[in-house]
């Protein structure tokens, strides 16, 4: 059973485009490429460099001298084009076409997608061999796509439509759990108290609504425990002023000063005791 549609390039001219097409295919899990009459010496260093690690797709690519031979074993064939060809075939966008392809592939059918020459695209005779046409919603004033771009769009659409779905390769991992309602309540109470002290809620009659609006600003953020601690610490410093230095040197100096003050107080008390009759 094929794992995806077979990408068929008809008479590609540039090795770089073949390499970039292989890269686009591999990005979305498509590995079967067929080349129909590629230009002589298409496989070169530029081809491999453009593949950027997807050389395995190029190494497994099958070469054909005719399009009829390249599609002989396929059950369903799509042709991509940016122009209306008047052939009365079903015309679908990439999403719809990909869903249909995914159904065929899951049933064990072989599906192919035709992509034309870089300069002129597919000929009418090529499109006549296809079951349906797939086209892209591009700007009609500039409808031409690079070969690898067109393959990339179809490869992406098929992956979204297939069993792989739209699952992303990684997700945001949160280190801290969401802030509890109790923690948020305490934070809001502290904030309201300090803002009230500084006359933020004026006139007083509007305080309830202003307070709710302010709370909602923070609730929309969706804070976790660390977010809340950071915000509260920031507001404490803004309200209470700079924190006392906590360096080892400053702490040592503070200890020496405290000791000196204690000794001075002791000496003063001793002198008072001696002065008593």
Foldseek 3Di string as FASTA:
>chain_A
DAPFAEEEEEAEEALLLQLLLLLLLVVLPHQEYEYENYPPPSDDPNNVVSVVPSVNSVVRYHYHPDPCVVCVQADAEEEEDADDDPPPAAEEELLVVLLVRQVCVVVVGHYYYYWYYQPPIDDPVNRVVHRHYYYYPDDPVDRRDGRSVVSNSNSVSNSCNHPVHPDDPDDDDDPFAFDDPVLLVVLLVVVLVLCVVVPVDPPVVCSVVVSVVVSVVVVVVRHGPVRSVVVSVVVCCVRVHDDDDDDPVSVVVVVVVVVVVVVVVVVVVVVVVVPDD
